[in-house]
């Protein structure tokens, strides 16, 4: 995996992924930014959310669950002193489908958290990560 980060100006950077995608990262005005893009630590949290949601949907599909939507809502706390690492992260999944089996959704969430989501497992080295879910009928 590769990535390239190029400084644009002030606190604005352009990130380019090895797969050919680009995005803007920027800081808040009080740190010299212009609020033109996502903050780097927000990207880290978004990456974890995307990783675990991808796993949950994939596991549910493989177990032939009729999943039609999956939302992962993340709440995070950071250390007050530098380095301001994440100390707590909670992931709330909202899984929608017709007749979803609650035990299979619970299993998908657990498998992602404990085995498959590399981002969660890595961030779990500094943060306490918790999960819960709710099921909604489609």
N, C-alpha and C. Protein backbone atom coordinates (compact mmCIF):
# COMPACT_ATOMS: atom_id res chain seq x y z
N UNK A 1 0.85 -1.17 0.00
CA UNK A 1 0.00 0.00 0.00
C UNK A 1 0.89 1.23 0.00
N UNK A 2 0.48 2.22 -0.74
CA UNK A 2 1.25 3.45 -0.83
C UNK A 2 0.32 4.65 -0.69
N UNK A 3 0.89 5.75 -0.28
CA UNK A 3 0.16 7.02 -0.22
C UNK A 3 1.17 8.13 -0.40
N UNK A 4 0.67 9.27 -0.85
CA UNK A 4 1.52 10.45 -1.05
C UNK A 4 0.76 11.65 -0.52
N UNK A 5 1.42 12.44 0.30
CA UNK A 5 0.81 13.64 0.87
C UNK A 5 1.62 14.84 0.39
N UNK A 6 0.95 15.80 -0.24
CA UNK A 6 1.63 16.99 -0.75
C UNK A 6 1.07 18.22 -0.05
N UNK A 7 1.96 19.03 0.49
CA UNK A 7 1.58 20.28 1.11
C UNK A 7 1.13 21.24 0.03
N UNK A 8 -0.04 21.85 0.18
CA UNK A 8 -0.58 22.80 -0.77
C UNK A 8 -0.24 24.21 -0.33
N UNK A 9 -0.69 24.58 0.87
CA UNK A 9 -0.35 25.87 1.48
C UNK A 9 -0.90 25.89 2.90
N UNK A 10 -0.38 26.76 3.72
CA UNK A 10 -0.83 26.91 5.10
C UNK A 10 -0.96 25.53 5.76
N UNK A 11 -2.17 25.13 6.15
CA UNK A 11 -2.38 23.82 6.77
C UNK A 11 -3.18 22.90 5.85
N UNK A 12 -3.10 23.13 4.53
CA UNK A 12 -3.83 22.34 3.55
C UNK A 12 -2.88 21.37 2.87
N UNK A 13 -3.31 20.10 2.81
CA UNK A 13 -2.51 19.05 2.18
C UNK A 13 -3.40 18.25 1.24
N UNK A 14 -2.81 17.73 0.17
CA UNK A 14 -3.51 16.86 -0.75
C UNK A 14 -2.98 15.45 -0.55
N UNK A 15 -3.89 14.53 -0.22
CA UNK A 15 -3.52 13.13 -0.05
C UNK A 15 -3.89 12.36 -1.30
N UNK A 16 -2.96 11.54 -1.78
CA UNK A 16 -3.21 10.71 -2.95
C UNK A 16 -2.97 9.26 -2.56
N UNK A 17 -3.96 8.42 -2.81
CA UNK A 17 -3.83 7.01 -2.46
C UNK A 17 -3.15 6.23 -3.58
N UNK A 18 -2.61 5.08 -3.22
CA UNK A 18 -2.00 4.21 -4.22
C UNK A 18 -2.99 3.72 -5.25
N UNK A 19 -4.28 3.74 -4.93
CA UNK A 19 -5.30 3.30 -5.88
C UNK A 19 -5.79 4.42 -6.78
N UNK A 20 -5.14 5.59 -6.66
CA UNK A 20 -5.42 6.67 -7.59
C UNK A 20 -6.49 7.67 -7.16
N UNK A 21 -6.84 7.70 -5.90
CA UNK A 21 -7.84 8.65 -5.41
C UNK A 21 -7.16 9.77 -4.63
N UNK A 22 -7.79 10.94 -4.64
CA UNK A 22 -7.21 12.09 -3.96
C UNK A 22 -8.25 12.74 -3.05
N UNK A 23 -7.77 13.37 -1.99
CA UNK A 23 -8.63 14.12 -1.10
C UNK A 23 -7.85 15.24 -0.44
N UNK A 24 -8.59 16.24 0.01
CA UNK A 24 -7.99 17.40 0.65
C UNK A 24 -8.11 17.23 2.16
N UNK A 25 -7.00 17.51 2.85
CA UNK A 25 -6.99 17.58 4.31
C UNK A 25 -6.63 19.01 4.68
N UNK A 26 -7.27 19.52 5.72
CA UNK A 26 -6.98 20.89 6.14
C UNK A 26 -7.19 21.01 7.63
N UNK A 27 -6.59 22.02 8.19
CA UNK A 27 -6.73 22.29 9.61
C UNK A 27 -7.75 23.39 9.85
N UNK A 28 -8.08 23.60 11.12
CA UNK A 28 -9.02 24.67 11.46
C UNK A 28 -8.34 26.03 11.33
N UNK A 29 -9.12 27.08 11.16
CA UNK A 29 -8.55 28.42 11.02
C UNK A 29 -7.62 28.82 12.16
N UNK A 30 -7.94 28.40 13.38
CA UNK A 30 -7.07 28.76 14.51
C UNK A 30 -5.70 28.10 14.46
N UNK A 31 -5.52 27.15 13.55
CA UNK A 31 -4.21 26.52 13.35
C UNK A 31 -3.66 26.80 11.95
N UNK A 32 -4.16 27.86 11.34
CA UNK A 32 -3.64 28.25 10.03
C UNK A 32 -4.35 27.64 8.84
N UNK A 33 -5.38 26.86 9.08
CA UNK A 33 -6.11 26.23 7.99
C UNK A 33 -7.25 27.11 7.50
N UNK A 34 -7.90 26.62 6.45
CA UNK A 34 -9.05 27.34 5.90
C UNK A 34 -10.30 26.47 5.92
N UNK A 35 -10.23 25.36 6.66
CA UNK A 35 -11.37 24.45 6.80
C UNK A 35 -11.86 23.94 5.44
N UNK A 36 -10.92 23.60 4.56
CA UNK A 36 -11.25 23.14 3.21
C UNK A 36 -11.42 21.62 3.10
N UNK A 37 -11.07 20.92 4.16
CA UNK A 37 -11.15 19.46 4.07
C UNK A 37 -11.19 18.83 5.44
N UNK A 38 -11.28 17.53 5.43
CA UNK A 38 -11.33 16.73 6.65
C UNK A 38 -9.99 16.82 7.39
N UNK A 39 -10.03 16.75 8.70
CA UNK A 39 -8.82 16.74 9.51
C UNK A 39 -8.19 15.34 9.43
N UNK A 40 -6.88 15.24 9.55
CA UNK A 40 -6.24 13.92 9.49
C UNK A 40 -6.76 12.92 10.52
N UNK A 41 -7.01 13.35 11.76
CA UNK A 41 -7.52 12.41 12.76
C UNK A 41 -8.97 12.01 12.46
N UNK A 42 -9.73 12.90 11.85
CA UNK A 42 -11.07 12.53 11.41
C UNK A 42 -10.99 11.46 10.33
N UNK A 43 -9.99 11.58 9.46
CA UNK A 43 -9.81 10.57 8.41
C UNK A 43 -9.51 9.21 9.01
N UNK A 44 -8.70 9.21 10.06
CA UNK A 44 -8.38 7.96 10.74
C UNK A 44 -9.65 7.31 11.29
N UNK A 45 -10.50 8.11 11.91
CA UNK A 45 -11.76 7.60 12.45
C UNK A 45 -12.69 7.14 11.32
N UNK A 46 -12.76 7.92 10.25
CA UNK A 46 -13.56 7.51 9.09
C UNK A 46 -13.04 6.20 8.50
N UNK A 47 -11.73 6.06 8.43
CA UNK A 47 -11.14 4.83 7.92
C UNK A 47 -11.53 3.62 8.74
N UNK A 48 -11.51 3.77 10.06
CA UNK A 48 -11.92 2.67 10.93
C UNK A 48 -13.39 2.36 10.71
N UNK A 49 -14.22 3.39 10.63
CA UNK A 49 -15.64 3.16 10.41
C UNK A 49 -15.92 2.46 9.10
N UNK A 50 -15.22 2.88 8.05
CA UNK A 50 -15.40 2.24 6.75
C UNK A 50 -14.95 0.80 6.77
N UNK A 51 -13.84 0.54 7.43
CA UNK A 51 -13.29 -0.81 7.51
C UNK A 51 -14.25 -1.75 8.22
N UNK A 52 -14.75 -1.34 9.37
CA UNK A 52 -15.63 -2.23 10.14
C UNK A 52 -17.00 -2.38 9.49
N UNK A 53 -17.54 -1.30 8.91
CA UNK A 53 -18.83 -1.40 8.22
C UNK A 53 -18.72 -2.33 7.01
N UNK A 54 -17.61 -2.22 6.27
CA UNK A 54 -17.36 -3.11 5.13
C UNK A 54 -17.40 -4.56 5.59
N UNK A 55 -16.71 -4.84 6.70
CA UNK A 55 -16.68 -6.21 7.24
C UNK A 55 -18.08 -6.70 7.60
N UNK A 56 -18.82 -5.87 8.34
CA UNK A 56 -20.14 -6.28 8.81
C UNK A 56 -21.05 -6.62 7.62
N UNK A 57 -21.08 -5.75 6.62
CA UNK A 57 -21.91 -6.01 5.44
C UNK A 57 -21.46 -7.28 4.72
N UNK A 58 -20.16 -7.43 4.54
CA UNK A 58 -19.61 -8.60 3.86
C UNK A 58 -19.97 -9.90 4.60
N UNK A 59 -19.81 -9.89 5.91
CA UNK A 59 -20.11 -11.08 6.71
C UNK A 59 -21.60 -11.40 6.64
N UNK A 60 -22.44 -10.38 6.73
CA UNK A 60 -23.89 -10.61 6.65
C UNK A 60 -24.30 -11.15 5.28
N UNK A 61 -23.71 -10.62 4.22
CA UNK A 61 -24.03 -11.13 2.88
C UNK A 61 -23.60 -12.58 2.73
N UNK A 62 -22.40 -12.90 3.25
CA UNK A 62 -21.91 -14.28 3.15
C UNK A 62 -22.78 -15.25 3.93
N UNK A 63 -23.41 -14.75 5.00
CA UNK A 63 -24.30 -15.62 5.77
C UNK A 63 -25.75 -15.51 5.29
N UNK A 64 -25.90 -14.98 4.08
CA UNK A 64 -27.19 -14.88 3.39
C UNK A 64 -28.25 -14.11 4.17
N UNK A 65 -27.80 -13.06 4.85
CA UNK A 65 -28.74 -12.19 5.55
C UNK A 65 -29.20 -11.10 4.60
N UNK A 66 -30.49 -10.76 4.61
CA UNK A 66 -31.03 -9.78 3.67
C UNK A 66 -30.76 -8.33 4.11
N UNK A 67 -29.49 -7.97 4.20
CA UNK A 67 -29.10 -6.63 4.63
C UNK A 67 -29.31 -5.66 3.46
N UNK A 68 -29.95 -4.52 3.75
CA UNK A 68 -30.18 -3.51 2.70
C UNK A 68 -29.49 -2.19 3.02
N UNK A 69 -29.04 -2.03 4.27
CA UNK A 69 -28.34 -0.80 4.64
C UNK A 69 -27.53 -1.05 5.91
N UNK A 70 -26.44 -0.34 6.02
CA UNK A 70 -25.62 -0.42 7.23
C UNK A 70 -24.97 0.95 7.45
N UNK A 71 -25.20 1.50 8.62
CA UNK A 71 -24.60 2.78 9.00
C UNK A 71 -23.79 2.53 10.26
N UNK A 72 -22.57 3.04 10.29
CA UNK A 72 -21.74 2.97 11.49
C UNK A 72 -21.56 4.40 12.00
N UNK A 73 -22.04 4.66 13.20
CA UNK A 73 -21.89 5.97 13.83
C UNK A 73 -20.80 5.85 14.89
N UNK A 74 -19.76 6.66 14.76
CA UNK A 74 -18.62 6.57 15.67
C UNK A 74 -18.54 7.81 16.55
N UNK A 75 -18.25 7.58 17.82
CA UNK A 75 -17.98 8.64 18.79
C UNK A 75 -16.61 8.35 19.36
N UNK A 76 -15.74 9.36 19.37
CA UNK A 76 -14.38 9.13 19.84
C UNK A 76 -13.96 10.19 20.84
N UNK A 77 -13.09 9.79 21.75
CA UNK A 77 -12.46 10.71 22.69
C UNK A 77 -10.96 10.62 22.47
N UNK A 78 -10.29 11.76 22.66
CA UNK A 78 -8.84 11.81 22.47
C UNK A 78 -8.17 12.24 23.77
N UNK A 79 -6.91 11.90 23.90
CA UNK A 79 -6.11 12.31 25.05
C UNK A 79 -6.01 13.84 25.06
N UNK A 80 -5.94 14.40 26.24
CA UNK A 80 -5.85 15.86 26.37
C UNK A 80 -4.45 16.37 26.05
N UNK A 81 -3.44 15.56 26.32
CA UNK A 81 -2.04 15.95 26.09
C UNK A 81 -1.51 15.27 24.83
N UNK A 82 -0.53 15.91 24.21
CA UNK A 82 0.11 15.32 23.03
C UNK A 82 0.93 14.11 23.44
N UNK A 83 0.94 13.06 22.67
CA UNK A 83 0.19 12.88 21.43
C UNK A 83 -1.28 12.64 21.75
N UNK A 84 -2.15 13.34 21.06
CA UNK A 84 -3.59 13.29 21.33
C UNK A 84 -4.24 12.09 20.62
N UNK A 85 -3.81 10.91 21.07
CA UNK A 85 -4.32 9.67 20.48
C UNK A 85 -5.77 9.46 20.88
N UNK A 86 -6.46 8.62 20.14
CA UNK A 86 -7.80 8.22 20.54
C UNK A 86 -7.68 7.37 21.80
N UNK A 87 -8.51 7.65 22.79
CA UNK A 87 -8.51 6.86 24.03
C UNK A 87 -9.77 6.00 24.15
N UNK A 88 -10.87 6.45 23.54
CA UNK A 88 -12.11 5.68 23.54
C UNK A 88 -12.80 5.89 22.20
N UNK A 89 -13.32 4.80 21.66
CA UNK A 89 -14.11 4.87 20.43
C UNK A 89 -15.31 3.95 20.61
N UNK A 90 -16.48 4.48 20.32
CA UNK A 90 -17.68 3.65 20.35
C UNK A 90 -18.28 3.63 18.95
N UNK A 91 -18.61 2.44 18.49
CA UNK A 91 -19.23 2.27 17.17
C UNK A 91 -20.64 1.75 17.37
N UNK A 92 -21.60 2.49 16.85
CA UNK A 92 -23.00 2.08 16.89
C UNK A 92 -23.42 1.76 15.46
N UNK A 93 -23.75 0.50 15.22
CA UNK A 93 -24.21 0.07 13.90
C UNK A 93 -25.72 0.13 13.84
N UNK A 94 -26.23 0.64 12.74
CA UNK A 94 -27.66 0.59 12.43
C UNK A 94 -27.76 -0.27 11.18
N UNK A 95 -28.24 -1.48 11.35
CA UNK A 95 -28.31 -2.45 10.25
C UNK A 95 -29.76 -2.63 9.86
N UNK A 96 -30.03 -2.46 8.58
CA UNK A 96 -31.41 -2.53 8.08
C UNK A 96 -31.54 -3.70 7.11
N UNK A 97 -32.69 -4.37 7.20
CA UNK A 97 -32.99 -5.47 6.30
C UNK A 97 -34.35 -6.05 6.66
N UNK A 98 -34.77 -7.01 5.89
CA UNK A 98 -36.05 -7.66 6.13
C UNK A 98 -35.80 -9.00 6.80
N UNK A 99 -36.21 -9.12 8.06
CA UNK A 99 -36.05 -10.39 8.77
C UNK A 99 -34.62 -10.73 9.13
N UNK A 100 -33.81 -9.76 9.47
CA UNK A 100 -32.43 -10.04 9.87
C UNK A 100 -32.40 -10.84 11.17
N UNK A 101 -31.48 -11.78 11.24
CA UNK A 101 -31.29 -12.60 12.43
C UNK A 101 -30.36 -11.84 13.39
N UNK A 102 -30.88 -11.50 14.57
CA UNK A 102 -30.10 -10.71 15.53
C UNK A 102 -28.78 -11.37 15.90
N UNK A 103 -28.78 -12.68 16.05
CA UNK A 103 -27.54 -13.38 16.43
C UNK A 103 -26.49 -13.29 15.31
N UNK A 104 -26.93 -13.27 14.08
CA UNK A 104 -25.98 -13.15 12.96
C UNK A 104 -25.42 -11.75 12.86
N UNK A 105 -26.24 -10.74 13.16
CA UNK A 105 -25.74 -9.37 13.17
C UNK A 105 -24.72 -9.22 14.30
N UNK A 106 -25.03 -9.75 15.47
CA UNK A 106 -24.11 -9.70 16.61
C UNK A 106 -22.79 -10.40 16.25
N UNK A 107 -22.89 -11.52 15.59
CA UNK A 107 -21.69 -12.27 15.19
C UNK A 107 -20.86 -11.47 14.19
N UNK A 108 -21.52 -10.83 13.23
CA UNK A 108 -20.80 -10.02 12.23
C UNK A 108 -20.05 -8.87 12.90
N UNK A 109 -20.70 -8.20 13.83
CA UNK A 109 -20.07 -7.10 14.56
C UNK A 109 -18.87 -7.61 15.36
N UNK A 110 -19.04 -8.73 16.05
CA UNK A 110 -17.95 -9.32 16.85
C UNK A 110 -16.78 -9.77 15.99
N UNK A 111 -17.08 -10.44 14.88
CA UNK A 111 -16.00 -10.90 13.99
C UNK A 111 -15.20 -9.73 13.43
N UNK A 112 -15.89 -8.66 13.05
CA UNK A 112 -15.18 -7.49 12.55
C UNK A 112 -14.27 -6.93 13.64
N UNK A 113 -14.81 -6.76 14.84
CA UNK A 113 -14.07 -6.16 15.95
C UNK A 113 -12.90 -7.01 16.41
N UNK A 114 -13.07 -8.32 16.43
CA UNK A 114 -12.08 -9.20 17.04
C UNK A 114 -11.12 -9.87 16.06
N UNK A 115 -11.49 -9.88 14.77
CA UNK A 115 -10.67 -10.65 13.83
C UNK A 115 -10.34 -9.93 12.52
N UNK A 116 -11.30 -9.25 11.92
CA UNK A 116 -11.11 -8.79 10.55
C UNK A 116 -10.75 -7.32 10.35
N UNK A 117 -11.26 -6.44 11.17
CA UNK A 117 -11.04 -5.01 10.91
C UNK A 117 -9.65 -4.57 11.39
N UNK A 118 -8.73 -4.50 10.46
CA UNK A 118 -7.35 -4.13 10.77
C UNK A 118 -7.28 -2.76 11.45
N UNK A 119 -8.10 -1.82 10.98
CA UNK A 119 -8.07 -0.47 11.56
C UNK A 119 -8.52 -0.50 13.01
N UNK A 120 -9.60 -1.21 13.30
CA UNK A 120 -10.07 -1.31 14.69
C UNK A 120 -9.04 -1.98 15.58
N UNK A 121 -8.47 -3.05 15.09
CA UNK A 121 -7.49 -3.78 15.89
C UNK A 121 -6.25 -2.94 16.15
N UNK A 122 -5.84 -2.14 15.17
CA UNK A 122 -4.69 -1.27 15.35
C UNK A 122 -5.01 -0.15 16.34
N UNK A 123 -6.14 0.53 16.15
CA UNK A 123 -6.51 1.62 17.05
C UNK A 123 -6.81 1.10 18.45
N UNK A 124 -7.18 -0.16 18.55
CA UNK A 124 -7.44 -0.77 19.85
C UNK A 124 -6.19 -0.89 20.72
N UNK A 125 -5.03 -0.63 20.15
CA UNK A 125 -3.79 -0.65 20.93
C UNK A 125 -3.69 0.57 21.85
N UNK A 126 -4.40 1.66 21.51
CA UNK A 126 -4.38 2.86 22.35
C UNK A 126 -5.76 3.25 22.86
N UNK A 127 -6.80 2.76 22.22
CA UNK A 127 -8.16 3.17 22.58
C UNK A 127 -8.99 1.99 23.04
N UNK A 128 -9.88 2.25 23.97
CA UNK A 128 -10.88 1.27 24.35
C UNK A 128 -11.99 1.37 23.30
N UNK A 129 -12.23 0.28 22.58
CA UNK A 129 -13.23 0.30 21.51
C UNK A 129 -14.42 -0.56 21.93
N UNK A 130 -15.60 0.04 21.83
CA UNK A 130 -16.83 -0.67 22.14
C UNK A 130 -17.76 -0.61 20.93
N UNK A 131 -18.68 -1.55 20.88
CA UNK A 131 -19.62 -1.65 19.77
C UNK A 131 -21.01 -1.98 20.30
N UNK A 132 -22.01 -1.52 19.59
CA UNK A 132 -23.36 -2.02 19.78
C UNK A 132 -24.08 -1.88 18.45
N UNK A 133 -25.30 -2.38 18.40
CA UNK A 133 -26.03 -2.31 17.13
C UNK A 133 -27.51 -2.28 17.39
N UNK A 134 -28.19 -1.82 16.38
CA UNK A 134 -29.65 -1.91 16.36
C UNK A 134 -30.04 -2.42 14.98
N UNK A 135 -31.17 -3.10 14.94
CA UNK A 135 -31.68 -3.64 13.68
C UNK A 135 -32.96 -2.91 13.34
N UNK A 136 -33.06 -2.50 12.10
CA UNK A 136 -34.28 -1.85 11.61
C UNK A 136 -34.83 -2.68 10.47
N UNK A 137 -36.14 -2.79 10.44
CA UNK A 137 -36.81 -3.51 9.36
C UNK A 137 -36.86 -2.62 8.11
N UNK A 138 -36.59 -3.23 6.98
CA UNK A 138 -36.63 -2.47 5.72
C UNK A 138 -38.06 -2.21 5.30
